[in-house]
Amino acid sequence: MKVFIFDLDDTLYDELQFVKSGFRSVAAYLSEMYNVNSEEAYAFMLHVLEKEGRGAVFNKLLKEYRIFSSKNVRKCISIYRLHSPDIHLSKEAEEVLEKLKNDSVYIVTDGNKVVQANKIRALDLDRKVKKSYITYRYGRIHSKPSPYCFLKIAEAEQVPYSQMVYVGDNPNKDFVGIKPLGIRTIQIRQGAFYDLPFFDTHQAEVSIEKLTEIFEVIRQWEEGF
């Protein structure tokens, strides 16, 4: 393999870290503005997240403290998205990126441009990879499963697709658009898509439990297994 490409969320770090960090920032804001107990508000958000998912959290929080308004919902969303996150790479990601420090390593990630850039900065990935492609910078039409950013990487590196490998966690979109090109694909089985069934067209060639296993997978590919 000549080029190594990684997804970001739930691949190089646990995205729940970002969620909790954002909740902390929202709780701190509400404590300052409305004298809400920040620890109680944080615990309430985690409870709603566990029971109902992210979509309902801020609405329910604000209603719980009788400060609900559309303006306050928008403010909470803004704080959540734009805060400087307290997040860190997984131990395995640190090890993998250290081993690949002399190779061509990229990130391709979907999501809000500012949010993803803040995550990349917080994880110090600008120093650890050659370039990070935030797909939304090129228009949502070029977000995954579009191969647009992968084509840009292939052009920049001047390598055949078969010498590129992408590691991601989400078979809904990570692999289906690039497999027809011949880009090699590995699913890291962590996060929300750990054990969900998908059509063969959407599945990676190989799935792994720990990120460090990519080296054994690549060794087997190179030996023709």
C-alpha atoms as a PDB file:
ATOM      1  CA  MET A   1       0.000   0.000   0.000  1.00  0.00           C
ATOM      2  CA  LYS A   2       1.261   3.458  -0.945  1.00  0.00           C
ATOM      3  CA  VAL A   3      -1.534   5.619   0.482  1.00  0.00           C
ATOM      4  CA  PHE A   4      -3.377   5.202   3.797  1.00  0.00           C
ATOM      5  CA  ILE A   5      -6.690   7.000   4.284  1.00  0.00           C
ATOM      6  CA  PHE A   6      -8.725   7.071   7.483  1.00  0.00           C
ATOM      7  CA  ASP A   7     -12.186   8.163   8.478  1.00  0.00           C
ATOM      8  CA  LEU A   8     -12.235  10.328  11.606  1.00  0.00           C
ATOM      9  CA  ASP A   9     -15.224   9.803  13.915  1.00  0.00           C
ATOM     10  CA  ASP A  10     -15.322   6.361  15.577  1.00  0.00           C
ATOM     11  CA  THR A  11     -12.254   5.370  13.594  1.00  0.00           C
ATOM     12  CA  LEU A  12      -9.358   7.381  15.009  1.00  0.00           C
ATOM     13  CA  TYR A  13     -11.158   8.396  18.192  1.00  0.00           C
ATOM     14  CA  ASP A  14     -14.393   7.628  20.032  1.00  0.00           C
ATOM     15  CA  GLU A  15     -16.972  10.178  18.863  1.00  0.00           C
ATOM     16  CA  LEU A  16     -18.771   9.915  22.207  1.00  0.00           C
ATOM     17  CA  GLN A  17     -15.856  11.962  23.574  1.00  0.00           C
ATOM     18  CA  PHE A  18     -16.911  14.865  21.371  1.00  0.00           C
ATOM     19  CA  VAL A  19     -20.555  14.509  22.368  1.00  0.00           C
ATOM     20  CA  LYS A  20     -19.700  14.595  26.072  1.00  0.00           C
ATOM     21  CA  SER A  21     -17.331  17.517  25.570  1.00  0.00           C
ATOM     22  CA  GLY A  22     -20.080  19.433  23.777  1.00  0.00           C
ATOM     23  CA  PHE A  23     -22.576  18.655  26.514  1.00  0.00           C
ATOM     24  CA  ARG A  24     -20.109  20.002  29.089  1.00  0.00           C
ATOM     25  CA  SER A  25     -19.866  23.269  27.179  1.00  0.00           C
ATOM     26  CA  VAL A  26     -23.653  23.589  26.920  1.00  0.00           C
ATOM     27  CA  ALA A  27     -24.050  22.851  30.638  1.00  0.00           C
ATOM     28  CA  ALA A  28     -21.443  25.484  31.502  1.00  0.00           C
ATOM     29  CA  TYR A  29     -23.245  28.071  29.377  1.00  0.00           C
ATOM     30  CA  LEU A  30     -26.611  27.355  30.985  1.00  0.00           C
ATOM     31  CA  SER A  31     -25.030  27.512  34.425  1.00  0.00           C
ATOM     32  CA  GLU A  32     -23.609  30.955  33.675  1.00  0.00           C
ATOM     33  CA  MET A  33     -26.724  32.364  31.996  1.00  0.00           C
ATOM     34  CA  TYR A  34     -29.540  30.723  33.970  1.00  0.00           C
ATOM     35  CA  ASN A  35     -27.908  29.473  37.173  1.00  0.00           C
ATOM     36  CA  VAL A  36     -28.555  25.879  36.142  1.00  0.00           C
ATOM     37  CA  ASN A  37     -26.555  23.258  38.040  1.00  0.00           C
ATOM     38  CA  SER A  38     -24.046  22.252  35.397  1.00  0.00           C
ATOM     39  CA  GLU A  39     -23.421  18.724  36.710  1.00  0.00           C
ATOM     40  CA  GLU A  40     -27.135  17.982  36.883  1.00  0.00           C
ATOM     41  CA  ALA A  41     -27.674  19.389  33.386  1.00  0.00           C
ATOM     42  CA  TYR A  42     -24.792  17.325  32.032  1.00  0.00           C
ATOM     43  CA  ALA A  43     -26.149  14.153  33.654  1.00  0.00           C
ATOM     44  CA  PHE A  44     -29.616  14.910  32.269  1.00  0.00           C
ATOM     45  CA  MET A  45     -28.229  15.239  28.725  1.00  0.00           C
ATOM     46  CA  LEU A  46     -26.375  11.933  29.019  1.00  0.00           C
ATOM     47  CA  HIS A  47     -29.577  10.252  30.219  1.00  0.00           C
ATOM     48  CA  VAL A  48     -31.592  11.569  27.261  1.00  0.00           C
ATOM     49  CA  LEU A  49     -28.799  10.595  24.868  1.00  0.00           C
ATOM     50  CA  GLU A  50     -28.812   7.032  26.170  1.00  0.00           C
ATOM     51  CA  LYS A  51     -32.593   6.696  26.067  1.00  0.00           C
ATOM     52  CA  GLU A  52     -33.527   8.671  22.948  1.00  0.00           C
ATOM     53  CA  GLY A  53     -30.443   9.643  20.969  1.00  0.00           C
ATOM     54  CA  ARG A  54     -28.956  13.044  20.189  1.00  0.00           C
ATOM     55  CA  GLY A  55     -31.889  14.605  18.367  1.00  0.00           C
ATOM     56  CA  ALA A  56     -34.016  15.284  21.443  1.00  0.00           C
ATOM     57  CA  VAL A  57     -31.358  16.296  23.950  1.00  0.00           C
ATOM     58  CA  PHE A  58     -31.401  20.104  23.917  1.00  0.00           C
ATOM     59  CA  ASN A  59     -35.160  20.432  23.565  1.00  0.00           C
ATOM     60  CA  LYS A  60     -35.732  18.188  26.555  1.00  0.00           C
ATOM     61  CA  LEU A  61     -32.996  19.854  28.587  1.00  0.00           C
ATOM     62  CA  LEU A  62     -34.407  23.332  28.100  1.00  0.00           C
ATOM     63  CA  LYS A  63     -37.937  22.184  28.841  1.00  0.00           C
ATOM     64  CA  GLU A  64     -36.719  20.462  32.001  1.00  0.00           C
ATOM     65  CA  TYR A  65     -35.369  23.785  33.274  1.00  0.00           C
ATOM     66  CA  ARG A  66     -38.293  25.822  31.904  1.00  0.00           C
ATOM     67  CA  ILE A  67     -36.082  27.915  29.637  1.00  0.00           C
ATOM     68  CA  PHE A  68     -37.170  26.431  26.330  1.00  0.00           C
ATOM     69  CA  SER A  69     -37.283  28.664  23.256  1.00  0.00           C
ATOM     70  CA  SER A  70     -36.241  28.270  19.654  1.00  0.00           C
ATOM     71  CA  LYS A  71     -33.527  30.841  20.281  1.00  0.00           C
ATOM     72  CA  ASN A  72     -32.111  28.867  23.200  1.00  0.00           C
ATOM     73  CA  VAL A  73     -32.176  25.634  21.208  1.00  0.00           C
ATOM     74  CA  ARG A  74     -30.191  27.318  18.427  1.00  0.00           C
ATOM     75  CA  LYS A  75     -27.753  28.698  20.997  1.00  0.00           C
ATOM     76  CA  CYS A  76     -27.171  25.273  22.518  1.00  0.00           C
ATOM     77  CA  ILE A  77     -26.611  23.749  19.085  1.00  0.00           C
ATOM     78  CA  SER A  78     -24.156  26.523  18.228  1.00  0.00           C
ATOM     79  CA  ILE A  79     -22.198  26.039  21.459  1.00  0.00           C
ATOM     80  CA  TYR A  80     -22.141  22.288  20.936  1.00  0.00           C
ATOM     81  CA  ARG A  81     -20.876  22.563  17.383  1.00  0.00           C
ATOM     82  CA  LEU A  82     -18.362  25.357  17.832  1.00  0.00           C
ATOM     83  CA  HIS A  83     -16.781  24.531  21.182  1.00  0.00           C
ATOM     84  CA  SER A  84     -13.118  23.531  21.388  1.00  0.00           C
ATOM     85  CA  PRO A  85     -13.470  19.814  22.031  1.00  0.00           C
ATOM     86  CA  ASP A  86     -11.708  17.879  24.771  1.00  0.00           C
ATOM     87  CA  ILE A  87     -10.954  14.726  22.784  1.00  0.00           C
ATOM     88  CA  HIS A  88      -7.996  12.438  22.183  1.00  0.00           C
ATOM     89  CA  LEU A  89      -6.918   9.780  19.719  1.00  0.00           C
ATOM     90  CA  SER A  90      -7.306   6.165  20.727  1.00  0.00           C
ATOM     91  CA  LYS A  91      -4.163   4.366  21.855  1.00  0.00           C
ATOM     92  CA  GLU A  92      -4.340   2.220  18.729  1.00  0.00           C
ATOM     93  CA  ALA A  93      -4.679   5.272  16.483  1.00  0.00           C
ATOM     94  CA  GLU A  94      -1.613   6.859  18.079  1.00  0.00           C
ATOM     95  CA  GLU A  95       0.343   3.665  17.446  1.00  0.00           C
ATOM     96  CA  VAL A  96      -0.822   3.310  13.843  1.00  0.00           C
ATOM     97  CA  LEU A  97      -0.116   6.927  12.928  1.00  0.00           C
ATOM     98  CA  GLU A  98       3.322   6.720  14.524  1.00  0.00           C
ATOM     99  CA  LYS A  99       4.164   3.658  12.418  1.00  0.00           C
ATOM    100  CA  LEU A 100       2.908   5.442   9.290  1.00  0.00           C
ATOM    101  CA  LYS A 101       4.630   8.758   9.977  1.00  0.00           C
ATOM    102  CA  ASN A 102       6.863   8.388   6.906  1.00  0.00           C
ATOM    103  CA  ASP A 103       4.007   7.315   4.620  1.00  0.00           C
ATOM    104  CA  SER A 104       1.298   9.194   2.754  1.00  0.00           C
ATOM    105  CA  VAL A 105      -1.574   9.375   5.240  1.00  0.00           C
ATOM    106  CA  TYR A 106      -4.851  11.217   4.712  1.00  0.00           C
ATOM    107  CA  ILE A 107      -8.189  11.713   6.419  1.00  0.00           C
ATOM    108  CA  VAL A 108     -11.524  11.835   4.605  1.00  0.00           C
ATOM    109  CA  THR A 109     -14.407  12.832   6.843  1.00  0.00           C
ATOM    110  CA  ASP A 110     -17.958  14.080   6.421  1.00  0.00           C
ATOM    111  CA  GLY A 111     -19.581  16.679   8.624  1.00  0.00           C
ATOM    112  CA  ASN A 112     -19.876  20.354   9.420  1.00  0.00           C
ATOM    113  CA  LYS A 113     -16.740  22.117   8.188  1.00  0.00           C
ATOM    114  CA  VAL A 114     -16.039  24.021  11.384  1.00  0.00           C
ATOM    115  CA  VAL A 115     -16.869  21.099  13.670  1.00  0.00           C
ATOM    116  CA  GLN A 116     -14.617  18.663  11.828  1.00  0.00           C
ATOM    117  CA  ALA A 117     -11.797  21.208  11.574  1.00  0.00           C
ATOM    118  CA  ASN A 118     -12.005  21.773  15.342  1.00  0.00           C
ATOM    119  CA  LYS A 119     -11.785  18.025  15.943  1.00  0.00           C
ATOM    120  CA  ILE A 120      -8.774  17.668  13.655  1.00  0.00           C
ATOM    121  CA  ARG A 121      -7.071  20.559  15.440  1.00  0.00           C
ATOM    122  CA  ALA A 122      -7.849  19.180  18.897  1.00  0.00           C
ATOM    123  CA  LEU A 123      -6.438  15.782  17.918  1.00  0.00           C
ATOM    124  CA  ASP A 124      -3.291  17.401  16.507  1.00  0.00           C
ATOM    125  CA  LEU A 125      -3.869  15.563  13.247  1.00  0.00           C
ATOM    126  CA  ASP A 126      -2.505  18.375  11.091  1.00  0.00           C
ATOM    127  CA  ARG A 127       0.933  17.277  12.296  1.00  0.00           C
ATOM    128  CA  LYS A 128       0.247  13.573  11.953  1.00  0.00           C
ATOM    129  CA  VAL A 129      -1.230  13.288   8.446  1.00  0.00           C
ATOM    130  CA  LYS A 130      -0.426  14.725   5.044  1.00  0.00           C
ATOM    131  CA  LYS A 131      -3.843  16.308   4.550  1.00  0.00           C
ATOM    132  CA  SER A 132      -7.364  16.114   5.941  1.00  0.00           C
ATOM    133  CA  TYR A 133     -10.239  16.263   3.467  1.00  0.00           C
ATOM    134  CA  ILE A 134     -13.468  17.536   5.022  1.00  0.00           C
ATOM    135  CA  THR A 135     -15.891  16.598   2.276  1.00  0.00           C
ATOM    136  CA  TYR A 136     -18.415  19.350   3.033  1.00  0.00           C
ATOM    137  CA  ARG A 137     -15.819  21.921   1.974  1.00  0.00           C
ATOM    138  CA  TYR A 138     -16.391  20.715  -1.580  1.00  0.00           C
ATOM    139  CA  GLY A 139     -20.189  20.692  -1.319  1.00  0.00           C
ATOM    140  CA  ARG A 140     -22.360  18.026   0.243  1.00  0.00           C
ATOM    141  CA  ILE A 141     -22.754  16.386  -3.142  1.00  0.00           C
ATOM    142  CA  HIS A 142     -19.132  15.289  -2.697  1.00  0.00           C
ATOM    143  CA  SER A 143     -19.599  13.775   0.760  1.00  0.00           C
ATOM    144  CA  LYS A 144     -19.327  10.017   1.116  1.00  0.00           C
ATOM    145  CA  PRO A 145     -20.252   7.764  -0.586  1.00  0.00           C
ATOM    146  CA  SER A 146     -19.017  10.071  -3.365  1.00  0.00           C
ATOM    147  CA  PRO A 147     -15.440   9.129  -4.303  1.00  0.00           C
ATOM    148  CA  TYR A 148     -14.602  12.787  -5.050  1.00  0.00           C
ATOM    149  CA  CYS A 149     -11.997  13.329  -2.325  1.00  0.00           C
ATOM    150  CA  PHE A 150     -10.458   9.921  -2.946  1.00  0.00           C
ATOM    151  CA  LEU A 151     -10.005  10.838  -6.600  1.00  0.00           C
ATOM    152  CA  LYS A 152      -8.242  14.018  -5.509  1.00  0.00           C
ATOM    153  CA  ILE A 153      -5.889  11.995  -3.329  1.00  0.00           C
ATOM    154  CA  ALA A 154      -5.128   9.531  -6.127  1.00  0.00           C
ATOM    155  CA  GLU A 155      -4.385  12.423  -8.461  1.00  0.00           C
ATOM    156  CA  ALA A 156      -2.115  14.113  -5.931  1.00  0.00           C
ATOM    157  CA  GLU A 157      -0.218  10.915  -5.124  1.00  0.00           C
ATOM    158  CA  GLN A 158      -0.112   9.578  -8.694  1.00  0.00           C
ATOM    159  CA  VAL A 159      -0.825   6.014  -7.595  1.00  0.00           C
ATOM    160  CA  PRO A 160      -3.243   3.370  -8.860  1.00  0.00           C
ATOM    161  CA  TYR A 161      -6.369   2.892  -6.759  1.00  0.00           C
ATOM    162  CA  SER A 162      -5.250  -0.616  -5.834  1.00  0.00           C
ATOM    163  CA  GLN A 163      -2.404   0.917  -3.803  1.00  0.00           C
ATOM    164  CA  MET A 164      -4.787   2.971  -1.670  1.00  0.00           C
ATOM    165  CA  VAL A 165      -6.523   1.669   1.459  1.00  0.00           C
ATOM    166  CA  TYR A 166      -9.381   3.296   3.348  1.00  0.00           C
ATOM    167  CA  VAL A 167     -10.240   2.480   6.953  1.00  0.00           C
ATOM    168  CA  GLY A 168     -13.678   3.513   8.203  1.00  0.00           C
ATOM    169  CA  ASP A 169     -16.478   2.385  10.500  1.00  0.00           C
ATOM    170  CA  ASN A 170     -19.716   3.067   8.607  1.00  0.00           C
ATOM    171  CA  PRO A 171     -20.690   0.656   5.813  1.00  0.00           C
ATOM    172  CA  ASN A 172     -23.688   2.856   5.002  1.00  0.00           C
ATOM    173  CA  LYS A 173     -21.369   5.210   3.125  1.00  0.00           C
ATOM    174  CA  ASP A 174     -17.664   4.587   3.708  1.00  0.00           C
ATOM    175  CA  PHE A 175     -16.950   1.834   1.199  1.00  0.00           C
ATOM    176  CA  VAL A 176     -19.723   1.540  -1.388  1.00  0.00           C
ATOM    177  CA  GLY A 177     -18.545   4.495  -3.480  1.00  0.00           C
ATOM    178  CA  ILE A 178     -14.870   3.549  -3.649  1.00  0.00           C
ATOM    179  CA  LYS A 179     -14.918  -0.240  -3.940  1.00  0.00           C
ATOM    180  CA  PRO A 180     -15.755  -0.117  -7.681  1.00  0.00           C
ATOM    181  CA  LEU A 181     -12.562   1.903  -8.202  1.00  0.00           C
ATOM    182  CA  GLY A 182     -10.443  -0.835  -6.687  1.00  0.00           C
ATOM    183  CA  ILE A 183      -9.509   1.054  -3.517  1.00  0.00           C
ATOM    184  CA  ARG A 184      -8.924  -1.473  -0.731  1.00  0.00           C
ATOM    185  CA  THR A 185     -11.297  -1.189   2.227  1.00  0.00           C
ATOM    186  CA  ILE A 186     -11.175  -2.108   5.914  1.00  0.00           C
ATOM    187  CA  GLN A 187     -13.970  -1.671   8.459  1.00  0.00           C
ATOM    188  CA  ILE A 188     -13.009  -0.985  12.052  1.00  0.00           C
ATOM    189  CA  ARG A 189     -15.813  -2.549  14.070  1.00  0.00           C
ATOM    190  CA  GLN A 190     -16.489   0.099  16.672  1.00  0.00           C
ATOM    191  CA  GLY A 191     -19.055   2.801  17.289  1.00  0.00           C
ATOM    192  CA  ALA A 192     -22.680   2.659  16.192  1.00  0.00           C
ATOM    193  CA  PHE A 193     -22.086   0.279  13.271  1.00  0.00           C
ATOM    194  CA  TYR A 194     -20.184  -2.364  15.224  1.00  0.00           C
ATOM    195  CA  ASP A 195     -22.379  -5.323  14.368  1.00  0.00           C
ATOM    196  CA  LEU A 196     -25.076  -4.214  11.953  1.00  0.00           C
ATOM    197  CA  PRO A 197     -25.788  -6.241   8.785  1.00  0.00           C
ATOM    198  CA  PHE A 198     -25.224  -4.600   5.389  1.00  0.00           C
ATOM    199  CA  PHE A 199     -25.491  -5.576   1.747  1.00  0.00           C
ATOM    200  CA  ASP A 200     -22.304  -7.042   0.255  1.00  0.00           C
ATOM    201  CA  THR A 201     -21.924  -3.963  -1.943  1.00  0.00           C
ATOM    202  CA  HIS A 202     -21.581  -1.816   1.179  1.00  0.00           C
ATOM    203  CA  GLN A 203     -19.279  -4.014   3.204  1.00  0.00           C
ATOM    204  CA  ALA A 204     -15.523  -3.564   3.376  1.00  0.00           C
ATOM    205  CA  GLU A 205     -13.239  -6.334   2.136  1.00  0.00           C
ATOM    206  CA  VAL A 206     -12.069  -6.993   5.667  1.00  0.00           C
ATOM    207  CA  SER A 207     -13.303  -6.089   9.138  1.00  0.00           C
ATOM    208  CA  ILE A 208     -11.081  -5.719  12.185  1.00  0.00           C
ATOM    209  CA  GLU A 209     -11.597  -5.235  15.906  1.00  0.00           C
ATOM    210  CA  LYS A 210      -8.537  -3.067  16.609  1.00  0.00           C
ATOM    211  CA  LEU A 211      -6.947  -0.463  14.380  1.00  0.00           C
ATOM    212  CA  THR A 212      -3.479  -1.973  14.735  1.00  0.00           C
ATOM    213  CA  GLU A 213      -4.727  -5.052  12.868  1.00  0.00           C
ATOM    214  CA  ILE A 214      -4.502  -3.130   9.573  1.00  0.00           C
ATOM    215  CA  PHE A 215      -0.835  -4.027   9.280  1.00  0.00           C
ATOM    216  CA  GLU A 216      -1.533  -7.755   9.311  1.00  0.00           C
ATOM    217  CA  VAL A 217      -4.330  -7.289   6.758  1.00  0.00           C
ATOM    218  CA  ILE A 218      -2.042  -5.325   4.457  1.00  0.00           C
ATOM    219  CA  ARG A 219       0.753  -7.886   4.872  1.00  0.00           C
ATOM    220  CA  GLN A 220      -1.615 -10.627   3.778  1.00  0.00           C
ATOM    221  CA  TRP A 221      -2.776  -8.603   0.777  1.00  0.00           C
ATOM    222  CA  GLU A 222       0.801  -7.962  -0.290  1.00  0.00           C
ATOM    223  CA  GLU A 223       1.599 -11.666   0.019  1.00  0.00           C
ATOM    224  CA  GLY A 224      -1.379 -12.523  -2.133  1.00  0.00           C
ATOM    225  CA  PHE A 225      -3.683 -14.024   0.483  1.00  0.00           C
END
